[in-house]
Amino acid sequence: MNFEPPIHWNDYEDIAMKLYERFGNDFTESKIYRIRFTDLHKWVLEIPNFSGKADESNEGHLEMIQSSWVYEWRDNQK
């Protein structure tokens, strides 16, 4: 059994990997950048093992998650 440590708002790369695992290529780079922060916020809170609280998030976190997700998507296109 794998133990995964809890994920928090500033674990951008971990969150990006989980979002990519969930959505795969449904979102391309341009689509990722057009995702509403309200949707992104909700999806992050739905990640299994995510232990951050809804009110601990801010725009900076969501921007970093978004760009990390783009890098994760790019890495998987090779």
PDB file of N, CA and C in Angstrom:
ATOM      1  N   MET A   1       0.839  -1.183   0.000  1.00  0.00           N
ATOM      2  CA  MET A   1       0.000   0.000   0.000  1.00  0.00           C
ATOM      3  C   MET A   1       0.884   1.246   0.000  1.00  0.00           C
ATOM      4  N   ASN A   2       0.605   2.146  -0.918  1.00  0.00           N
ATOM      5  CA  ASN A   2       1.383   3.378  -0.990  1.00  0.00           C
ATOM      6  C   ASN A   2       0.819   4.403  -0.033  1.00  0.00           C
ATOM      7  N   PHE A   3       1.715   5.008   0.726  1.00  0.00           N
ATOM      8  CA  PHE A   3       1.284   6.113   1.570  1.00  0.00           C
ATOM      9  C   PHE A   3       1.598   7.405   0.836  1.00  0.00           C
ATOM     10  N   GLU A   4       0.578   8.202   0.592  1.00  0.00           N
ATOM     11  CA  GLU A   4       0.798   9.500  -0.025  1.00  0.00           C
ATOM     12  C   GLU A   4       0.620  10.568   1.031  1.00  0.00           C
ATOM     13  N   PRO A   5       1.633  11.412   1.187  1.00  0.00           N
ATOM     14  CA  PRO A   5       1.478  12.487   2.170  1.00  0.00           C
ATOM     15  C   PRO A   5       0.369  13.436   1.740  1.00  0.00           C
ATOM     16  N   PRO A   6      -0.213  14.145   2.690  1.00  0.00           N
ATOM     17  CA  PRO A   6      -1.281  15.080   2.330  1.00  0.00           C
ATOM     18  C   PRO A   6      -0.759  16.168   1.388  1.00  0.00           C
ATOM     19  N   ILE A   7      -1.632  16.645   0.532  1.00  0.00           N
ATOM     20  CA  ILE A   7      -1.294  17.698  -0.425  1.00  0.00           C
ATOM     21  C   ILE A   7      -1.899  19.007   0.075  1.00  0.00           C
ATOM     22  N   HIS A   8      -1.109  20.060  -0.008  1.00  0.00           N
ATOM     23  CA  HIS A   8      -1.559  21.390   0.424  1.00  0.00           C
ATOM     24  C   HIS A   8      -1.532  22.351  -0.763  1.00  0.00           C
ATOM     25  N   TRP A   9      -2.054  23.560  -0.562  1.00  0.00           N
ATOM     26  CA  TRP A   9      -2.175  24.539  -1.641  1.00  0.00           C
ATOM     27  C   TRP A   9      -0.856  24.866  -2.326  1.00  0.00           C
ATOM     28  N   ASN A  10       0.254  24.819  -1.586  1.00  0.00           N
ATOM     29  CA  ASN A  10       1.531  25.199  -2.197  1.00  0.00           C
ATOM     30  C   ASN A  10       2.286  24.011  -2.799  1.00  0.00           C
ATOM     31  N   ASP A  11       1.662  22.842  -2.859  1.00  0.00           N
ATOM     32  CA  ASP A  11       2.263  21.675  -3.518  1.00  0.00           C
ATOM     33  C   ASP A  11       1.865  21.671  -4.994  1.00  0.00           C
ATOM     34  N   TYR A  12       2.307  22.712  -5.701  1.00  0.00           N
ATOM     35  CA  TYR A  12       1.831  22.968  -7.066  1.00  0.00           C
ATOM     36  C   TYR A  12       2.059  21.794  -8.011  1.00  0.00           C
ATOM     37  N   GLU A  13       3.255  21.210  -7.964  1.00  0.00           N
ATOM     38  CA  GLU A  13       3.557  20.118  -8.891  1.00  0.00           C
ATOM     39  C   GLU A  13       2.717  18.880  -8.586  1.00  0.00           C
ATOM     40  N   ASP A  14       2.527  18.580  -7.304  1.00  0.00           N
ATOM     41  CA  ASP A  14       1.691  17.427  -6.931  1.00  0.00           C
ATOM     42  C   ASP A  14       0.255  17.634  -7.406  1.00  0.00           C
ATOM     43  N   ILE A  15      -0.249  18.839  -7.207  1.00  0.00           N
ATOM     44  CA  ILE A  15      -1.614  19.150  -7.645  1.00  0.00           C
ATOM     45  C   ILE A  15      -1.711  19.033  -9.158  1.00  0.00           C
ATOM     46  N   ALA A  16      -0.716  19.578  -9.860  1.00  0.00           N
ATOM     47  CA  ALA A  16      -0.713  19.522 -11.331  1.00  0.00           C
ATOM     48  C   ALA A  16      -0.729  18.076 -11.821  1.00  0.00           C
ATOM     49  N   MET A  17       0.045  17.203 -11.174  1.00  0.00           N
ATOM     50  CA  MET A  17       0.059  15.788 -11.580  1.00  0.00           C
ATOM     51  C   MET A  17      -1.308  15.157 -11.362  1.00  0.00           C
ATOM     52  N   LYS A  18      -1.941  15.475 -10.238  1.00  0.00           N
ATOM     53  CA  LYS A  18      -3.264  14.909  -9.952  1.00  0.00           C
ATOM     54  C   LYS A  18      -4.302  15.414 -10.959  1.00  0.00           C
ATOM     55  N   LEU A  19      -4.228  16.694 -11.318  1.00  0.00           N
ATOM     56  CA  LEU A  19      -5.165  17.237 -12.299  1.00  0.00           C
ATOM     57  C   LEU A  19      -4.932  16.599 -13.664  1.00  0.00           C
ATOM     58  N   TYR A  20      -3.657  16.394 -14.019  1.00  0.00           N
ATOM     59  CA  TYR A  20      -3.373  15.744 -15.297  1.00  0.00           C
ATOM     60  C   TYR A  20      -3.870  14.291 -15.279  1.00  0.00           C
ATOM     61  N   GLU A  21      -3.667  13.605 -14.154  1.00  0.00           N
ATOM     62  CA  GLU A  21      -4.168  12.225 -14.044  1.00  0.00           C
ATOM     63  C   GLU A  21      -5.676  12.185 -14.222  1.00  0.00           C
ATOM     64  N   ARG A  22      -6.358  13.187 -13.689  1.00  0.00           N
ATOM     65  CA  ARG A  22      -7.820  13.219 -13.761  1.00  0.00           C
ATOM     66  C   ARG A  22      -8.313  13.583 -15.165  1.00  0.00           C
ATOM     67  N   PHE A  23      -7.719  14.600 -15.757  1.00  0.00           N
ATOM     68  CA  PHE A  23      -8.250  15.142 -17.005  1.00  0.00           C
ATOM     69  C   PHE A  23      -7.450  14.774 -18.254  1.00  0.00           C
ATOM     70  N   GLY A  24      -6.213  14.296 -18.073  1.00  0.00           N
ATOM     71  CA  GLY A  24      -5.405  13.897 -19.223  1.00  0.00           C
ATOM     72  C   GLY A  24      -5.327  14.985 -20.273  1.00  0.00           C
ATOM     73  N   ASN A  25      -5.607  14.606 -21.515  1.00  0.00           N
ATOM     74  CA  ASN A  25      -5.516  15.553 -22.613  1.00  0.00           C
ATOM     75  C   ASN A  25      -6.837  16.248 -22.920  1.00  0.00           C
ATOM     76  N   ASP A  26      -7.814  16.154 -21.997  1.00  0.00           N
ATOM     77  CA  ASP A  26      -9.069  16.891 -22.180  1.00  0.00           C
ATOM     78  C   ASP A  26      -8.792  18.387 -22.236  1.00  0.00           C
ATOM     79  N   PHE A  27      -7.739  18.816 -21.514  1.00  0.00           N
ATOM     80  CA  PHE A  27      -7.371  20.223 -21.504  1.00  0.00           C
ATOM     81  C   PHE A  27      -6.005  20.383 -22.142  1.00  0.00           C
ATOM     82  N   THR A  28      -5.947  21.165 -23.217  1.00  0.00           N
ATOM     83  CA  THR A  28      -4.671  21.516 -23.831  1.00  0.00           C
ATOM     84  C   THR A  28      -4.126  22.742 -23.113  1.00  0.00           C
ATOM     85  N   GLU A  29      -2.930  23.166 -23.487  1.00  0.00           N
ATOM     86  CA  GLU A  29      -2.314  24.321 -22.826  1.00  0.00           C
ATOM     87  C   GLU A  29      -3.237  25.542 -22.841  1.00  0.00           C
ATOM     88  N   SER A  30      -3.787  25.868 -24.000  1.00  0.00           N
ATOM     89  CA  SER A  30      -4.629  27.069 -24.074  1.00  0.00           C
ATOM     90  C   SER A  30      -5.911  26.904 -23.264  1.00  0.00           C
ATOM     91  N   LYS A  31      -6.440  25.681 -23.217  1.00  0.00           N
ATOM     92  CA  LYS A  31      -7.658  25.452 -22.421  1.00  0.00           C
ATOM     93  C   LYS A  31      -7.364  25.543 -20.925  1.00  0.00           C
ATOM     94  N   ILE A  32      -6.206  25.057 -20.511  1.00  0.00           N
ATOM     95  CA  ILE A  32      -5.843  25.135 -19.092  1.00  0.00           C
ATOM     96  C   ILE A  32      -5.796  26.599 -18.653  1.00  0.00           C
ATOM     97  N   TYR A  33      -5.226  27.455 -19.507  1.00  0.00           N
ATOM     98  CA  TYR A  33      -5.124  28.871 -19.146  1.00  0.00           C
ATOM     99  C   TYR A  33      -6.464  29.584 -19.175  1.00  0.00           C
ATOM    100  N   ARG A  34      -7.478  28.963 -19.772  1.00  0.00           N
ATOM    101  CA  ARG A  34      -8.806  29.595 -19.811  1.00  0.00           C
ATOM    102  C   ARG A  34      -9.757  29.045 -18.745  1.00  0.00           C
ATOM    103  N   ILE A  35      -9.293  28.112 -17.932  1.00  0.00           N
ATOM    104  CA  ILE A  35     -10.142  27.547 -16.873  1.00  0.00           C
ATOM    105  C   ILE A  35     -10.451  28.638 -15.842  1.00  0.00           C
ATOM    106  N   ARG A  36     -11.699  28.729 -15.474  1.00  0.00           N
ATOM    107  CA  ARG A  36     -12.083  29.698 -14.424  1.00  0.00           C
ATOM    108  C   ARG A  36     -11.494  29.251 -13.088  1.00  0.00           C
ATOM    109  N   PHE A  37     -11.032  30.213 -12.316  1.00  0.00           N
ATOM    110  CA  PHE A  37     -10.437  29.889 -11.018  1.00  0.00           C
ATOM    111  C   PHE A  37     -11.446  29.223 -10.088  1.00  0.00           C
ATOM    112  N   THR A  38     -12.735  29.547 -10.248  1.00  0.00           N
ATOM    113  CA  THR A  38     -13.739  28.897  -9.402  1.00  0.00           C
ATOM    114  C   THR A  38     -13.773  27.392  -9.688  1.00  0.00           C
ATOM    115  N   ASP A  39     -13.657  27.003 -10.966  1.00  0.00           N
ATOM    116  CA  ASP A  39     -13.627  25.573 -11.318  1.00  0.00           C
ATOM    117  C   ASP A  39     -12.340  24.926 -10.827  1.00  0.00           C
ATOM    118  N   LEU A  40     -11.214  25.594 -11.069  1.00  0.00           N
ATOM    119  CA  LEU A  40      -9.919  25.055 -10.646  1.00  0.00           C
ATOM    120  C   LEU A  40      -9.909  24.839  -9.140  1.00  0.00           C
ATOM    121  N   HIS A  41     -10.411  25.801  -8.393  1.00  0.00           N
ATOM    122  CA  HIS A  41     -10.480  25.724  -6.929  1.00  0.00           C
ATOM    123  C   HIS A  41     -11.271  24.486  -6.513  1.00  0.00           C
ATOM    124  N   LYS A  42     -12.421  24.283  -7.141  1.00  0.00           N
ATOM    125  CA  LYS A  42     -13.278  23.136  -6.815  1.00  0.00           C
ATOM    126  C   LYS A  42     -12.562  21.820  -7.120  1.00  0.00           C
ATOM    127  N   TRP A  43     -11.902  21.742  -8.276  1.00  0.00           N
ATOM    128  CA  TRP A  43     -11.215  20.502  -8.664  1.00  0.00           C
ATOM    129  C   TRP A  43     -10.063  20.179  -7.731  1.00  0.00           C
ATOM    130  N   VAL A  44      -9.339  21.201  -7.283  1.00  0.00           N
ATOM    131  CA  VAL A  44      -8.243  20.958  -6.342  1.00  0.00           C
ATOM    132  C   VAL A  44      -8.798  20.391  -5.039  1.00  0.00           C
ATOM    133  N   LEU A  45      -9.897  20.958  -4.562  1.00  0.00           N
ATOM    134  CA  LEU A  45     -10.491  20.468  -3.311  1.00  0.00           C
ATOM    135  C   LEU A  45     -10.990  19.030  -3.444  1.00  0.00           C
ATOM    136  N   GLU A  46     -11.278  18.576  -4.669  1.00  0.00           N
ATOM    137  CA  GLU A  46     -11.763  17.210  -4.900  1.00  0.00           C
ATOM    138  C   GLU A  46     -10.641  16.181  -5.008  1.00  0.00           C
ATOM    139  N   ILE A  47      -9.385  16.630  -5.025  1.00  0.00           N
ATOM    140  CA  ILE A  47      -8.253  15.696  -5.139  1.00  0.00           C
ATOM    141  C   ILE A  47      -8.202  14.826  -3.886  1.00  0.00           C
ATOM    142  N   PRO A  48      -8.154  13.492  -4.091  1.00  0.00           N
ATOM    143  CA  PRO A  48      -8.007  12.621  -2.917  1.00  0.00           C
ATOM    144  C   PRO A  48      -6.707  12.994  -2.200  1.00  0.00           C
ATOM    145  N   ASN A  49      -6.718  13.009  -0.894  1.00  0.00           N
ATOM    146  CA  ASN A  49      -5.508  13.310  -0.141  1.00  0.00           C
ATOM    147  C   ASN A  49      -5.208  14.804  -0.047  1.00  0.00           C
ATOM    148  N   PHE A  50      -6.072  15.639  -0.633  1.00  0.00           N
ATOM    149  CA  PHE A  50      -5.844  17.081  -0.508  1.00  0.00           C
ATOM    150  C   PHE A  50      -6.320  17.510   0.864  1.00  0.00           C
ATOM    151  N   SER A  51      -5.450  18.164   1.616  1.00  0.00           N
ATOM    152  CA  SER A  51      -5.817  18.503   2.998  1.00  0.00           C
ATOM    153  C   SER A  51      -5.884  20.005   3.241  1.00  0.00           C
ATOM    154  N   GLY A  52      -5.707  20.805   2.176  1.00  0.00           N
ATOM    155  CA  GLY A  52      -5.855  22.244   2.348  1.00  0.00           C
ATOM    156  C   GLY A  52      -7.321  22.606   2.538  1.00  0.00           C
ATOM    157  N   LYS A  53      -7.567  23.749   3.105  1.00  0.00           N
ATOM    158  CA  LYS A  53      -8.935  24.228   3.307  1.00  0.00           C
ATOM    159  C   LYS A  53      -9.291  25.213   2.195  1.00  0.00           C
ATOM    160  N   ALA A  54     -10.578  25.269   1.876  1.00  0.00           N
ATOM    161  CA  ALA A  54     -11.047  26.133   0.783  1.00  0.00           C
ATOM    162  C   ALA A  54     -10.611  27.582   0.975  1.00  0.00           C
ATOM    163  N   ASP A  55     -10.683  28.069   2.206  1.00  0.00           N
ATOM    164  CA  ASP A  55     -10.388  29.488   2.443  1.00  0.00           C
ATOM    165  C   ASP A  55      -8.891  29.782   2.572  1.00  0.00           C
ATOM    166  N   GLU A  56      -8.044  28.760   2.447  1.00  0.00           N
ATOM    167  CA  GLU A  56      -6.595  28.978   2.501  1.00  0.00           C
ATOM    168  C   GLU A  56      -6.024  29.297   1.122  1.00  0.00           C
ATOM    169  N   SER A  57      -6.843  29.177   0.107  1.00  0.00           N
ATOM    170  CA  SER A  57      -6.397  29.412  -1.260  1.00  0.00           C
ATOM    171  C   SER A  57      -6.378  30.897  -1.573  1.00  0.00           C
ATOM    172  N   ASN A  58      -5.547  31.274  -2.543  1.00  0.00           N
ATOM    173  CA  ASN A  58      -5.576  32.643  -3.048  1.00  0.00           C
ATOM    174  C   ASN A  58      -5.252  32.624  -4.539  1.00  0.00           C
ATOM    175  N   GLU A  59      -5.354  33.762  -5.175  1.00  0.00           N
ATOM    176  CA  GLU A  59      -5.143  33.837  -6.619  1.00  0.00           C
ATOM    177  C   GLU A  59      -3.740  33.385  -7.013  1.00  0.00           C
ATOM    178  N   GLY A  60      -2.761  33.724  -6.189  1.00  0.00           N
ATOM    179  CA  GLY A  60      -1.379  33.309  -6.457  1.00  0.00           C
ATOM    180  C   GLY A  60      -1.237  31.796  -6.504  1.00  0.00           C
ATOM    181  N   HIS A  61      -1.873  31.110  -5.556  1.00  0.00           N
ATOM    182  CA  HIS A  61      -1.847  29.642  -5.564  1.00  0.00           C
ATOM    183  C   HIS A  61      -2.449  29.107  -6.851  1.00  0.00           C
ATOM    184  N   LEU A  62      -3.608  29.644  -7.227  1.00  0.00           N
ATOM    185  CA  LEU A  62      -4.307  29.134  -8.402  1.00  0.00           C
ATOM    186  C   LEU A  62      -3.517  29.403  -9.686  1.00  0.00           C
ATOM    187  N   GLU A  63      -2.858  30.547  -9.757  1.00  0.00           N
ATOM    188  CA  GLU A  63      -2.012  30.846 -10.915  1.00  0.00           C
ATOM    189  C   GLU A  63      -0.848  29.861 -11.005  1.00  0.00           C
ATOM    190  N   MET A  64      -0.229  29.567  -9.865  1.00  0.00           N
ATOM    191  CA  MET A  64       0.892  28.625  -9.858  1.00  0.00           C
ATOM    192  C   MET A  64       0.433  27.212 -10.211  1.00  0.00           C
ATOM    193  N   ILE A  65      -0.728  26.813  -9.716  1.00  0.00           N
ATOM    194  CA  ILE A  65      -1.287  25.501 -10.044  1.00  0.00           C
ATOM    195  C   ILE A  65      -1.550  25.424 -11.540  1.00  0.00           C
ATOM    196  N   GLN A  66      -2.111  26.484 -12.088  1.00  0.00           N
ATOM    197  CA  GLN A  66      -2.432  26.526 -13.510  1.00  0.00           C
ATOM    198  C   GLN A  66      -1.162  26.378 -14.364  1.00  0.00           C
ATOM    199  N   SER A  67      -0.127  27.144 -14.045  1.00  0.00           N
ATOM    200  CA  SER A  67       1.085  27.047 -14.859  1.00  0.00           C
ATOM    201  C   SER A  67       1.789  25.704 -14.642  1.00  0.00           C
ATOM    202  N   SER A  68       1.746  25.162 -13.433  1.00  0.00           N
ATOM    203  CA  SER A  68       2.335  23.835 -13.192  1.00  0.00           C
ATOM    204  C   SER A  68       1.594  22.768 -13.979  1.00  0.00           C
ATOM    205  N   TRP A  69       0.282  22.909 -14.090  1.00  0.00           N
ATOM    206  CA  TRP A  69      -0.525  21.965 -14.867  1.00  0.00           C
ATOM    207  C   TRP A  69      -0.124  22.032 -16.342  1.00  0.00           C
ATOM    208  N   VAL A  70       0.111  23.232 -16.845  1.00  0.00           N
ATOM    209  CA  VAL A  70       0.557  23.382 -18.239  1.00  0.00           C
ATOM    210  C   VAL A  70       1.884  22.653 -18.450  1.00  0.00           C
ATOM    211  N   TYR A  71       2.838  22.826 -17.525  1.00  0.00           N
ATOM    212  CA  TYR A  71       4.124  22.134 -17.656  1.00  0.00           C
ATOM    213  C   TYR A  71       3.944  20.626 -17.594  1.00  0.00           C
ATOM    214  N   GLU A  72       3.076  20.162 -16.721  1.00  0.00           N
ATOM    215  CA  GLU A  72       2.785  18.738 -16.615  1.00  0.00           C
ATOM    216  C   GLU A  72       2.190  18.229 -17.925  1.00  0.00           C
ATOM    217  N   TRP A  73       1.260  18.972 -18.502  1.00  0.00           N
ATOM    218  CA  TRP A  73       0.639  18.599 -19.774  1.00  0.00           C
ATOM    219  C   TRP A  73       1.704  18.531 -20.866  1.00  0.00           C
ATOM    220  N   ARG A  74       2.564  19.568 -20.928  1.00  0.00           N
ATOM    221  CA  ARG A  74       3.637  19.598 -21.943  1.00  0.00           C
ATOM    222  C   ARG A  74       4.555  18.391 -21.809  1.00  0.00           C
ATOM    223  N   ASP A  75       4.941  18.067 -20.576  1.00  0.00           N
ATOM    224  CA  ASP A  75       5.850  16.923 -20.340  1.00  0.00           C
ATOM    225  C   ASP A  75       5.247  15.626 -20.870  1.00  0.00           C
ATOM    226  N   ASN A  76       3.942  15.520 -20.812  1.00  0.00           N
ATOM    227  CA  ASN A  76       3.272  14.293 -21.243  1.00  0.00           C
ATOM    228  C   ASN A  76       2.982  14.253 -22.735  1.00  0.00           C
ATOM    229  N   GLN A  77       3.344  15.311 -23.464  1.00  0.00           N
ATOM    230  CA  GLN A  77       3.114  15.327 -24.908  1.00  0.00           C
ATOM    231  C   GLN A  77       4.325  14.797 -25.678  1.00  0.00           C
ATOM    232  N   LYS A  78       5.429  14.526 -24.959  1.00  0.00           N
ATOM    233  CA  LYS A  78       6.666  14.087 -25.621  1.00  0.00           C
ATOM    234  C   LYS A  78       6.616  12.627 -25.999  1.00  0.00           C
TER     235      LYS A  78
END
